[in-house]
């Protein structure tokens, strides 16, 4: 296998650094969404709010367009990231207000 030119090595190293930053940012986001889940659980707020999700996706797609990134890619990524957040929040926290004593299921 031929040796890679130094420029290509540098580019590959830069990509690796960015990939690690993406993982770090996802970890930070997960910490924040955990806090959101705790707050929503205590306040009895719903974990999933369709309008908020739609607004976030629209905003991120617009930002992607401005940055020259595929809005389709960003929408896919955001939906996957949010789905993971909802899963974490819904399995770790109550979705009801703890002050409510009785719930009627119809």
PDB file of N, CA and C in Angstrom:
ATOM      1  N   UNK A   1       0.851  -1.180   0.000  1.00  0.00           N
ATOM      2  CA  UNK A   1       0.000   0.000   0.000  1.00  0.00           C
ATOM      3  C   UNK A   1       0.894   1.239   0.000  1.00  0.00           C
ATOM      4  N   UNK A   2       0.642   2.166  -0.921  1.00  0.00           N
ATOM      5  CA  UNK A   2       1.484   3.370  -0.975  1.00  0.00           C
ATOM      6  C   UNK A   2       1.254   4.253   0.239  1.00  0.00           C
ATOM      7  N   UNK A   3       2.309   4.957   0.602  1.00  0.00           N
ATOM      8  CA  UNK A   3       2.237   5.865   1.755  1.00  0.00           C
ATOM      9  C   UNK A   3       1.390   7.092   1.393  1.00  0.00           C
ATOM     10  N   UNK A   4       0.523   7.509   2.338  1.00  0.00           N
ATOM     11  CA  UNK A   4      -0.325   8.674   2.096  1.00  0.00           C
ATOM     12  C   UNK A   4       0.495   9.952   2.167  1.00  0.00           C
ATOM     13  N   UNK A   5       0.189  10.901   1.321  1.00  0.00           N
ATOM     14  CA  UNK A   5       0.889  12.183   1.421  1.00  0.00           C
ATOM     15  C   UNK A   5       0.601  12.853   2.763  1.00  0.00           C
ATOM     16  N   UNK A   6       1.524  13.679   3.235  1.00  0.00           N
ATOM     17  CA  UNK A   6       1.378  14.374   4.523  1.00  0.00           C
ATOM     18  C   UNK A   6       0.088  15.179   4.594  1.00  0.00           C
ATOM     19  N   UNK A   7      -0.292  15.811   3.501  1.00  0.00           N
ATOM     20  CA  UNK A   7      -1.514  16.610   3.492  1.00  0.00           C
ATOM     21  C   UNK A   7      -2.739  15.739   3.776  1.00  0.00           C
ATOM     22  N   UNK A   8      -2.779  14.576   3.177  1.00  0.00           N
ATOM     23  CA  UNK A   8      -3.892  13.661   3.400  1.00  0.00           C
ATOM     24  C   UNK A   8      -3.905  13.164   4.846  1.00  0.00           C
ATOM     25  N   UNK A   9      -2.725  12.899   5.398  1.00  0.00           N
ATOM     26  CA  UNK A   9      -2.632  12.500   6.806  1.00  0.00           C
ATOM     27  C   UNK A   9      -3.212  13.591   7.699  1.00  0.00           C
ATOM     28  N   UNK A  10      -2.858  14.823   7.412  1.00  0.00           N
ATOM     29  CA  UNK A  10      -3.347  15.952   8.212  1.00  0.00           C
ATOM     30  C   UNK A  10      -4.856  16.109   8.106  1.00  0.00           C
ATOM     31  N   UNK A  11      -5.367  15.934   6.904  1.00  0.00           N
ATOM     32  CA  UNK A  11      -6.813  16.029   6.709  1.00  0.00           C
ATOM     33  C   UNK A  11      -7.535  14.912   7.470  1.00  0.00           C
ATOM     34  N   UNK A  12      -6.987  13.710   7.404  1.00  0.00           N
ATOM     35  CA  UNK A  12      -7.587  12.578   8.117  1.00  0.00           C
ATOM     36  C   UNK A  12      -7.569  12.806   9.623  1.00  0.00           C
ATOM     37  N   UNK A  13      -6.489  13.357  10.130  1.00  0.00           N
ATOM     38  CA  UNK A  13      -6.399  13.659  11.566  1.00  0.00           C
ATOM     39  C   UNK A  13      -7.418  14.727  11.955  1.00  0.00           C
ATOM     40  N   UNK A  14      -7.610  15.724  11.105  1.00  0.00           N
ATOM     41  CA  UNK A  14      -8.597  16.773  11.374  1.00  0.00           C
ATOM     42  C   UNK A  14     -10.013  16.196  11.418  1.00  0.00           C
ATOM     43  N   UNK A  15     -10.297  15.285  10.521  1.00  0.00           N
ATOM     44  CA  UNK A  15     -11.612  14.632  10.515  1.00  0.00           C
ATOM     45  C   UNK A  15     -11.801  13.841  11.803  1.00  0.00           C
ATOM     46  N   UNK A  16     -10.774  13.147  12.244  1.00  0.00           N
ATOM     47  CA  UNK A  16     -10.855  12.367  13.481  1.00  0.00           C
ATOM     48  C   UNK A  16     -11.143  13.277  14.678  1.00  0.00           C
ATOM     49  N   UNK A  17     -10.493  14.432  14.728  1.00  0.00           N
ATOM     50  CA  UNK A  17     -10.734  15.393  15.809  1.00  0.00           C
ATOM     51  C   UNK A  17     -12.192  15.850  15.787  1.00  0.00           C
ATOM     52  N   UNK A  18     -12.700  16.176  14.615  1.00  0.00           N
ATOM     53  CA  UNK A  18     -14.099  16.617  14.485  1.00  0.00           C
ATOM     54  C   UNK A  18     -15.054  15.500  14.899  1.00  0.00           C
ATOM     55  N   UNK A  19     -14.765  14.268  14.494  1.00  0.00           N
ATOM     56  CA  UNK A  19     -15.618  13.141  14.879  1.00  0.00           C
ATOM     57  C   UNK A  19     -15.674  12.993  16.399  1.00  0.00           C
ATOM     58  N   UNK A  20     -14.538  13.154  17.057  1.00  0.00           N
ATOM     59  CA  UNK A  20     -14.499  13.083  18.525  1.00  0.00           C
ATOM     60  C   UNK A  20     -15.311  14.232  19.134  1.00  0.00           C
ATOM     61  N   UNK A  21     -15.234  15.411  18.527  1.00  0.00           N
ATOM     62  CA  UNK A  21     -16.017  16.550  19.009  1.00  0.00           C
ATOM     63  C   UNK A  21     -17.510  16.289  18.869  1.00  0.00           C
ATOM     64  N   UNK A  22     -17.908  15.638  17.791  1.00  0.00           N
ATOM     65  CA  UNK A  22     -19.323  15.297  17.595  1.00  0.00           C
ATOM     66  C   UNK A  22     -19.788  14.400  18.735  1.00  0.00           C
ATOM     67  N   UNK A  23     -18.982  13.403  19.086  1.00  0.00           N
ATOM     68  CA  UNK A  23     -19.343  12.502  20.185  1.00  0.00           C
ATOM     69  C   UNK A  23     -19.437  13.279  21.498  1.00  0.00           C
ATOM     70  N   UNK A  24     -18.487  14.170  21.737  1.00  0.00           N
ATOM     71  CA  UNK A  24     -18.516  14.988  22.955  1.00  0.00           C
ATOM     72  C   UNK A  24     -19.772  15.865  22.997  1.00  0.00           C
ATOM     73  N   UNK A  25     -20.124  16.468  21.877  1.00  0.00           N
ATOM     74  CA  UNK A  25     -21.325  17.305  21.819  1.00  0.00           C
ATOM     75  C   UNK A  25     -22.591  16.484  22.052  1.00  0.00           C
ATOM     76  N   UNK A  26     -22.625  15.276  21.511  1.00  0.00           N
ATOM     77  CA  UNK A  26     -23.788  14.415  21.739  1.00  0.00           C
ATOM     78  C   UNK A  26     -23.891  14.036  23.219  1.00  0.00           C
ATOM     79  N   UNK A  27     -22.757  13.812  23.868  1.00  0.00           N
ATOM     80  CA  UNK A  27     -22.767  13.506  25.298  1.00  0.00           C
ATOM     81  C   UNK A  27     -23.279  14.706  26.091  1.00  0.00           C
ATOM     82  N   UNK A  28     -22.842  15.905  25.734  1.00  0.00           N
ATOM     83  CA  UNK A  28     -23.317  17.127  26.402  1.00  0.00           C
ATOM     84  C   UNK A  28     -24.809  17.299  26.188  1.00  0.00           C
ATOM     85  N   UNK A  29     -25.271  17.048  24.974  1.00  0.00           N
ATOM     86  CA  UNK A  29     -26.702  17.167  24.672  1.00  0.00           C
ATOM     87  C   UNK A  29     -27.503  16.164  25.492  1.00  0.00           C
ATOM     88  N   UNK A  30     -26.980  14.942  25.610  1.00  0.00           N
ATOM     89  CA  UNK A  30     -27.658  13.911  26.389  1.00  0.00           C
ATOM     90  C   UNK A  30     -27.788  14.327  27.854  1.00  0.00           C
ATOM     91  N   UNK A  31     -26.753  14.950  28.400  1.00  0.00           N
ATOM     92  CA  UNK A  31     -26.823  15.433  29.781  1.00  0.00           C
ATOM     93  C   UNK A  31     -27.925  16.480  29.935  1.00  0.00           C
ATOM     94  N   UNK A  32     -28.002  17.383  28.981  1.00  0.00           N
ATOM     95  CA  UNK A  32     -29.024  18.428  29.035  1.00  0.00           C
ATOM     96  C   UNK A  32     -30.429  17.859  28.867  1.00  0.00           C
ATOM     97  N   UNK A  33     -30.592  16.915  27.945  1.00  0.00           N
ATOM     98  CA  UNK A  33     -31.926  16.356  27.756  1.00  0.00           C
ATOM     99  C   UNK A  33     -32.341  15.512  28.960  1.00  0.00           C
ATOM    100  N   UNK A  34     -31.379  14.941  29.662  1.00  0.00           N
ATOM    101  CA  UNK A  34     -31.688  14.237  30.903  1.00  0.00           C
ATOM    102  C   UNK A  34     -32.242  15.215  31.929  1.00  0.00           C
ATOM    103  N   UNK A  35     -31.627  16.381  32.026  1.00  0.00           N
ATOM    104  CA  UNK A  35     -32.115  17.412  32.949  1.00  0.00           C
ATOM    105  C   UNK A  35     -33.512  17.885  32.550  1.00  0.00           C
ATOM    106  N   UNK A  36     -33.735  18.027  31.250  1.00  0.00           N
ATOM    107  CA  UNK A  36     -35.063  18.407  30.762  1.00  0.00           C
ATOM    108  C   UNK A  36     -36.076  17.340  31.168  1.00  0.00           C
ATOM    109  N   UNK A  37     -35.706  16.062  30.999  1.00  0.00           N
ATOM    110  CA  UNK A  37     -36.587  14.967  31.375  1.00  0.00           C
ATOM    111  C   UNK A  37     -36.917  14.987  32.858  1.00  0.00           C
ATOM    112  N   UNK A  38     -35.922  15.284  33.694  1.00  0.00           N
ATOM    113  CA  UNK A  38     -36.151  15.373  35.139  1.00  0.00           C
ATOM    114  C   UNK A  38     -37.137  16.500  35.449  1.00  0.00           C
ATOM    115  N   UNK A  39     -36.920  17.641  34.829  1.00  0.00           N
ATOM    116  CA  UNK A  39     -37.808  18.781  35.046  1.00  0.00           C
ATOM    117  C   UNK A  39     -39.238  18.459  34.603  1.00  0.00           C
ATOM    118  N   UNK A  40     -39.352  17.894  33.395  1.00  0.00           N
ATOM    119  CA  UNK A  40     -40.688  17.577  32.868  1.00  0.00           C
ATOM    120  C   UNK A  40     -41.387  16.535  33.737  1.00  0.00           C
ATOM    121  N   UNK A  41     -40.626  15.590  34.251  1.00  0.00           N
ATOM    122  CA  UNK A  41     -41.209  14.572  35.120  1.00  0.00           C
ATOM    123  C   UNK A  41     -41.760  15.202  36.392  1.00  0.00           C
ATOM    124  N   UNK A  42     -40.994  16.109  36.979  1.00  0.00           N
ATOM    125  CA  UNK A  42     -41.419  16.769  38.223  1.00  0.00           C
ATOM    126  C   UNK A  42     -42.612  17.687  38.004  1.00  0.00           C
ATOM    127  N   UNK A  43     -42.664  18.317  36.840  1.00  0.00           N
ATOM    128  CA  UNK A  43     -43.736  19.279  36.586  1.00  0.00           C
ATOM    129  C   UNK A  43     -44.964  18.643  35.934  1.00  0.00           C
ATOM    130  N   UNK A  44     -44.839  17.384  35.535  1.00  0.00           N
ATOM    131  CA  UNK A  44     -45.956  16.713  34.879  1.00  0.00           C
ATOM    132  C   UNK A  44     -46.119  17.101  33.424  1.00  0.00           C
ATOM    133  N   UNK A  45     -45.095  17.699  32.850  1.00  0.00           N
ATOM    134  CA  UNK A  45     -45.144  18.106  31.439  1.00  0.00           C
ATOM    135  C   UNK A  45     -44.923  16.895  30.539  1.00  0.00           C
ATOM    136  N   UNK A  46     -45.481  16.923  29.341  1.00  0.00           N
ATOM    137  CA  UNK A  46     -45.264  15.801  28.423  1.00  0.00           C
ATOM    138  C   UNK A  46     -43.815  15.757  27.942  1.00  0.00           C
ATOM    139  N   UNK A  47     -43.306  14.550  27.783  1.00  0.00           N
ATOM    140  CA  UNK A  47     -41.942  14.379  27.279  1.00  0.00           C
ATOM    141  C   UNK A  47     -41.866  14.771  25.809  1.00  0.00           C
ATOM    142  N   UNK A  48     -42.843  14.327  25.033  1.00  0.00           N
ATOM    143  CA  UNK A  48     -42.838  14.577  23.594  1.00  0.00           C
ATOM    144  C   UNK A  48     -43.816  15.696  23.261  1.00  0.00           C
ATOM    145  N   UNK A  49     -43.314  16.709  22.559  1.00  0.00           N
ATOM    146  CA  UNK A  49     -44.153  17.812  22.091  1.00  0.00           C
ATOM    147  C   UNK A  49     -43.878  17.957  20.592  1.00  0.00           C
ATOM    148  N   UNK A  50     -44.836  17.512  19.796  1.00  0.00           N
ATOM    149  CA  UNK A  50     -44.654  17.463  18.339  1.00  0.00           C
ATOM    150  C   UNK A  50     -44.287  18.822  17.753  1.00  0.00           C
ATOM    151  N   UNK A  51     -44.947  19.882  18.224  1.00  0.00           N
ATOM    152  CA  UNK A  51     -44.687  21.222  17.687  1.00  0.00           C
ATOM    153  C   UNK A  51     -43.248  21.657  17.961  1.00  0.00           C
ATOM    154  N   UNK A  52     -42.742  21.328  19.138  1.00  0.00           N
ATOM    155  CA  UNK A  52     -41.364  21.697  19.483  1.00  0.00           C
ATOM    156  C   UNK A  52     -40.377  20.941  18.605  1.00  0.00           C
ATOM    157  N   UNK A  53     -40.647  19.655  18.395  1.00  0.00           N
ATOM    158  CA  UNK A  53     -39.763  18.863  17.542  1.00  0.00           C
ATOM    159  C   UNK A  53     -39.752  19.412  16.117  1.00  0.00           C
ATOM    160  N   UNK A  54     -40.918  19.722  15.592  1.00  0.00           N
ATOM    161  CA  UNK A  54     -41.009  20.260  14.227  1.00  0.00           C
ATOM    162  C   UNK A  54     -40.253  21.579  14.110  1.00  0.00           C
ATOM    163  N   UNK A  55     -40.371  22.425  15.124  1.00  0.00           N
ATOM    164  CA  UNK A  55     -39.682  23.713  15.126  1.00  0.00           C
ATOM    165  C   UNK A  55     -38.164  23.531  15.150  1.00  0.00           C
ATOM    166  N   UNK A  56     -37.700  22.604  15.968  1.00  0.00           N
ATOM    167  CA  UNK A  56     -36.259  22.334  16.050  1.00  0.00           C
ATOM    168  C   UNK A  56     -35.740  21.839  14.709  1.00  0.00           C
ATOM    169  N   UNK A  57     -36.456  20.917  14.106  1.00  0.00           N
ATOM    170  CA  UNK A  57     -36.005  20.354  12.829  1.00  0.00           C
ATOM    171  C   UNK A  57     -35.985  21.430  11.745  1.00  0.00           C
ATOM    172  N   UNK A  58     -37.016  22.244  11.704  1.00  0.00           N
ATOM    173  CA  UNK A  58     -37.063  23.325  10.711  1.00  0.00           C
ATOM    174  C   UNK A  58     -35.886  24.283  10.897  1.00  0.00           C
ATOM    175  N   UNK A  59     -35.628  24.630  12.134  1.00  0.00           N
ATOM    176  CA  UNK A  59     -34.526  25.548  12.438  1.00  0.00           C
ATOM    177  C   UNK A  59     -33.174  24.947  12.048  1.00  0.00           C
ATOM    178  N   UNK A  60     -32.945  23.689  12.404  1.00  0.00           N
ATOM    179  CA  UNK A  60     -31.668  23.047  12.071  1.00  0.00           C
ATOM    180  C   UNK A  60     -31.506  22.879  10.566  1.00  0.00           C
ATOM    181  N   UNK A  61     -32.599  22.597   9.835  1.00  0.00           N
ATOM    182  CA  UNK A  61     -32.511  22.478   8.382  1.00  0.00           C
ATOM    183  C   UNK A  61     -32.150  23.817   7.753  1.00  0.00           C
ATOM    184  N   UNK A  62     -32.708  24.895   8.270  1.00  0.00           N
ATOM    185  CA  UNK A  62     -32.368  26.229   7.762  1.00  0.00           C
ATOM    186  C   UNK A  62     -30.900  26.534   8.008  1.00  0.00           C
ATOM    187  N   UNK A  63     -30.434  26.201   9.189  1.00  0.00           N
ATOM    188  CA  UNK A  63     -29.017  26.410   9.510  1.00  0.00           C
ATOM    189  C   UNK A  63     -28.133  25.554   8.595  1.00  0.00           C
ATOM    190  N   UNK A  64     -28.551  24.346   8.332  1.00  0.00           N
ATOM    191  CA  UNK A  64     -27.789  23.467   7.440  1.00  0.00           C
ATOM    192  C   UNK A  64     -27.658  24.094   6.058  1.00  0.00           C
ATOM    193  N   UNK A  65     -28.772  24.623   5.538  1.00  0.00           N
ATOM    194  CA  UNK A  65     -28.732  25.270   4.225  1.00  0.00           C
ATOM    195  C   UNK A  65     -27.734  26.420   4.221  1.00  0.00           C
ATOM    196  N   UNK A  66     -27.756  27.234   5.291  1.00  0.00           N
ATOM    197  CA  UNK A  66     -26.820  28.369   5.379  1.00  0.00           C
ATOM    198  C   UNK A  66     -25.368  27.911   5.422  1.00  0.00           C
ATOM    199  N   UNK A  67     -25.143  26.731   6.021  1.00  0.00           N
ATOM    200  CA  UNK A  67     -23.779  26.221   6.172  1.00  0.00           C
ATOM    201  C   UNK A  67     -23.329  25.348   4.998  1.00  0.00           C
ATOM    202  N   UNK A  68     -24.242  25.106   4.040  1.00  0.00           N
ATOM    203  CA  UNK A  68     -23.886  24.270   2.896  1.00  0.00           C
ATOM    204  C   UNK A  68     -23.915  22.777   3.209  1.00  0.00           C
ATOM    205  N   UNK A  69     -24.732  22.406   4.198  1.00  0.00           N
ATOM    206  CA  UNK A  69     -24.883  20.999   4.591  1.00  0.00           C
ATOM    207  C   UNK A  69     -26.261  20.525   4.143  1.00  0.00           C
ATOM    208  N   UNK A  70     -26.357  19.282   3.763  1.00  0.00           N
ATOM    209  CA  UNK A  70     -27.617  18.732   3.293  1.00  0.00           C
ATOM    210  C   UNK A  70     -28.692  18.822   4.388  1.00  0.00           C
ATOM    211  N   UNK A  71     -29.790  19.553   4.118  1.00  0.00           N
ATOM    212  CA  UNK A  71     -30.885  19.611   5.084  1.00  0.00           C
ATOM    213  C   UNK A  71     -31.514  18.239   5.339  1.00  0.00           C
ATOM    214  N   UNK A  72     -31.503  17.380   4.335  1.00  0.00           N
ATOM    215  CA  UNK A  72     -32.046  16.023   4.494  1.00  0.00           C
ATOM    216  C   UNK A  72     -31.198  15.249   5.507  1.00  0.00           C
ATOM    217  N   UNK A  73     -29.889  15.375   5.389  1.00  0.00           N
ATOM    218  CA  UNK A  73     -28.981  14.720   6.341  1.00  0.00           C
ATOM    219  C   UNK A  73     -29.242  15.227   7.752  1.00  0.00           C
ATOM    220  N   UNK A  74     -29.346  16.540   7.896  1.00  0.00           N
ATOM    221  CA  UNK A  74     -29.556  17.129   9.220  1.00  0.00           C
ATOM    222  C   UNK A  74     -30.893  16.695   9.795  1.00  0.00           C
ATOM    223  N   UNK A  75     -31.928  16.648   8.974  1.00  0.00           N
ATOM    224  CA  UNK A  75     -33.223  16.191   9.478  1.00  0.00           C
ATOM    225  C   UNK A  75     -33.127  14.749   9.972  1.00  0.00           C
ATOM    226  N   UNK A  76     -32.471  13.899   9.196  1.00  0.00           N
ATOM    227  CA  UNK A  76     -32.297  12.504   9.614  1.00  0.00           C
ATOM    228  C   UNK A  76     -31.532  12.419  10.934  1.00  0.00           C
ATOM    229  N   UNK A  77     -30.443  13.170  11.030  1.00  0.00           N
ATOM    230  CA  UNK A  77     -29.639  13.153  12.254  1.00  0.00           C
ATOM    231  C   UNK A  77     -30.432  13.667  13.456  1.00  0.00           C
ATOM    232  N   UNK A  78     -31.130  14.777  13.269  1.00  0.00           N
ATOM    233  CA  UNK A  78     -31.885  15.356  14.380  1.00  0.00           C
ATOM    234  C   UNK A  78     -32.992  14.421  14.837  1.00  0.00           C
ATOM    235  N   UNK A  79     -33.687  13.803  13.899  1.00  0.00           N
ATOM    236  CA  UNK A  79     -34.745  12.857  14.285  1.00  0.00           C
ATOM    237  C   UNK A  79     -34.156  11.685  15.074  1.00  0.00           C
ATOM    238  N   UNK A  80     -33.012  11.199  14.653  1.00  0.00           N
ATOM    239  CA  UNK A  80     -32.375  10.075  15.353  1.00  0.00           C
ATOM    240  C   UNK A  80     -31.895  10.508  16.743  1.00  0.00           C
ATOM    241  N   UNK A  81     -31.292  11.667  16.819  1.00  0.00           N
ATOM    242  CA  UNK A  81     -30.808  12.180  18.102  1.00  0.00           C
ATOM    243  C   UNK A  81     -31.973  12.406  19.052  1.00  0.00           C
ATOM    244  N   UNK A  82     -33.047  13.009  18.564  1.00  0.00           N
ATOM    245  CA  UNK A  82     -34.209  13.263  19.414  1.00  0.00           C
ATOM    246  C   UNK A  82     -34.888  11.967  19.834  1.00  0.00           C
ATOM    247  N   UNK A  83     -34.944  11.004  18.924  1.00  0.00           N
ATOM    248  CA  UNK A  83     -35.549   9.717  19.265  1.00  0.00           C
ATOM    249  C   UNK A  83     -34.785   9.077  20.426  1.00  0.00           C
ATOM    250  N   UNK A  84     -33.466   9.161  20.398  1.00  0.00           N
ATOM    251  CA  UNK A  84     -32.646   8.633  21.485  1.00  0.00           C
ATOM    252  C   UNK A  84     -32.929   9.384  22.786  1.00  0.00           C
ATOM    253  N   UNK A  85     -33.085  10.701  22.691  1.00  0.00           N
ATOM    254  CA  UNK A  85     -33.392  11.503  23.876  1.00  0.00           C
ATOM    255  C   UNK A  85     -34.738  11.121  24.466  1.00  0.00           C
ATOM    256  N   UNK A  86     -35.748  10.955  23.630  1.00  0.00           N
ATOM    257  CA  UNK A  86     -37.073  10.576  24.116  1.00  0.00           C
ATOM    258  C   UNK A  86     -37.027   9.214  24.784  1.00  0.00           C
ATOM    259  N   UNK A  87     -36.285   8.294  24.187  1.00  0.00           N
ATOM    260  CA  UNK A  87     -36.176   6.954  24.752  1.00  0.00           C
ATOM    261  C   UNK A  87     -35.583   7.038  26.159  1.00  0.00           C
ATOM    262  N   UNK A  88     -34.506   7.790  26.298  1.00  0.00           N
ATOM    263  CA  UNK A  88     -33.864   7.947  27.599  1.00  0.00           C
ATOM    264  C   UNK A  88     -34.816   8.593  28.591  1.00  0.00           C
ATOM    265  N   UNK A  89     -35.459   9.682  28.185  1.00  0.00           N
ATOM    266  CA  UNK A  89     -36.355  10.403  29.086  1.00  0.00           C
ATOM    267  C   UNK A  89     -37.567   9.564  29.460  1.00  0.00           C
ATOM    268  N   UNK A  90     -38.114   8.828  28.521  1.00  0.00           N
ATOM    269  CA  UNK A  90     -39.344   8.098  28.812  1.00  0.00           C
ATOM    270  C   UNK A  90     -39.090   6.848  29.644  1.00  0.00           C
ATOM    271  N   UNK A  91     -37.888   6.300  29.602  1.00  0.00           N
ATOM    272  CA  UNK A  91     -37.617   5.107  30.390  1.00  0.00           C
ATOM    273  C   UNK A  91     -37.088   5.437  31.774  1.00  0.00           C
ATOM    274  N   UNK A  92     -36.581   6.648  31.977  1.00  0.00           N
ATOM    275  CA  UNK A  92     -35.996   6.992  33.268  1.00  0.00           C
ATOM    276  C   UNK A  92     -36.908   7.823  34.150  1.00  0.00           C
ATOM    277  N   UNK A  93     -37.874   8.503  33.570  1.00  0.00           N
ATOM    278  CA  UNK A  93     -38.661   9.440  34.343  1.00  0.00           C
ATOM    279  C   UNK A  93     -40.142   9.148  34.249  1.00  0.00           C
ATOM    280  N   UNK A  94     -40.828   9.494  35.305  1.00  0.00           N
ATOM    281  CA  UNK A  94     -42.282   9.418  35.274  1.00  0.00           C
ATOM    282  C   UNK A  94     -42.804  10.473  34.320  1.00  0.00           C
ATOM    283  N   UNK A  95     -43.908  10.190  33.688  1.00  0.00           N
ATOM    284  CA  UNK A  95     -44.495  11.151  32.756  1.00  0.00           C
ATOM    285  C   UNK A  95     -45.772  11.749  33.340  1.00  0.00           C
ATOM    286  N   UNK A  96     -45.952  11.617  34.635  1.00  0.00           N
ATOM    287  CA  UNK A  96     -47.129  12.173  35.276  1.00  0.00           C
ATOM    288  C   UNK A  96     -46.707  13.106  36.386  1.00  0.00           C
ATOM    289  N   UNK A  97     -47.606  13.945  36.758  1.00  0.00           N
ATOM    290  CA  UNK A  97     -47.376  14.855  37.860  1.00  0.00           C
ATOM    291  C   UNK A  97     -47.499  14.066  39.163  1.00  0.00           C
ATOM    292  N   UNK A  98     -46.483  14.084  40.025  1.00  0.00           N
ATOM    293  CA  UNK A  98     -46.537  13.298  41.252  1.00  0.00           C
ATOM    294  C   UNK A  98     -47.631  13.760  42.214  1.00  0.00           C
ATOM    295  N   UNK A  99     -48.159  14.971  42.026  1.00  0.00           N
ATOM    296  CA  UNK A  99     -49.225  15.467  42.897  1.00  0.00           C
ATOM    297  C   UNK A  99     -50.585  14.890  42.536  1.00  0.00           C
ATOM    298  N   UNK A 100     -50.694  14.298  41.364  1.00  0.00           N
ATOM    299  CA  UNK A 100     -51.968  13.708  40.942  1.00  0.00           C
ATOM    300  C   UNK A 100     -52.096  12.365  41.644  1.00  0.00           C
ATOM    301  N   UNK A 101     -53.193  12.184  42.355  1.00  0.00           N
ATOM    302  CA  UNK A 101     -53.361  10.965  43.137  1.00  0.00           C
ATOM    303  C   UNK A 101     -54.069   9.855  42.385  1.00  0.00           C
ATOM    304  N   UNK A 102     -54.997  10.209  41.491  1.00  0.00           N
ATOM    305  CA  UNK A 102     -55.742   9.196  40.760  1.00  0.00           C
ATOM    306  C   UNK A 102     -55.700   9.518  39.271  1.00  0.00           C
ATOM    307  N   UNK A 103     -55.577   8.464  38.503  1.00  0.00           N
ATOM    308  CA  UNK A 103     -55.608   8.608  37.050  1.00  0.00           C
ATOM    309  C   UNK A 103     -56.678   7.669  36.510  1.00  0.00           C
ATOM    310  N   UNK A 104     -57.511   8.174  35.635  1.00  0.00           N
ATOM    311  CA  UNK A 104     -58.546   7.357  35.018  1.00  0.00           C
ATOM    312  C   UNK A 104     -58.125   7.058  33.594  1.00  0.00           C
ATOM    313  N   UNK A 105     -58.091   5.771  33.251  1.00  0.00           N
ATOM    314  CA  UNK A 105     -57.744   5.344  31.899  1.00  0.00           C
ATOM    315  C   UNK A 105     -59.022   4.879  31.235  1.00  0.00           C
ATOM    316  N   UNK A 106     -59.325   5.465  30.087  1.00  0.00           N
ATOM    317  CA  UNK A 106     -60.563   5.119  29.385  1.00  0.00           C
ATOM    318  C   UNK A 106     -60.231   4.287  28.180  1.00  0.00           C
TER     319      UNK A 106
END
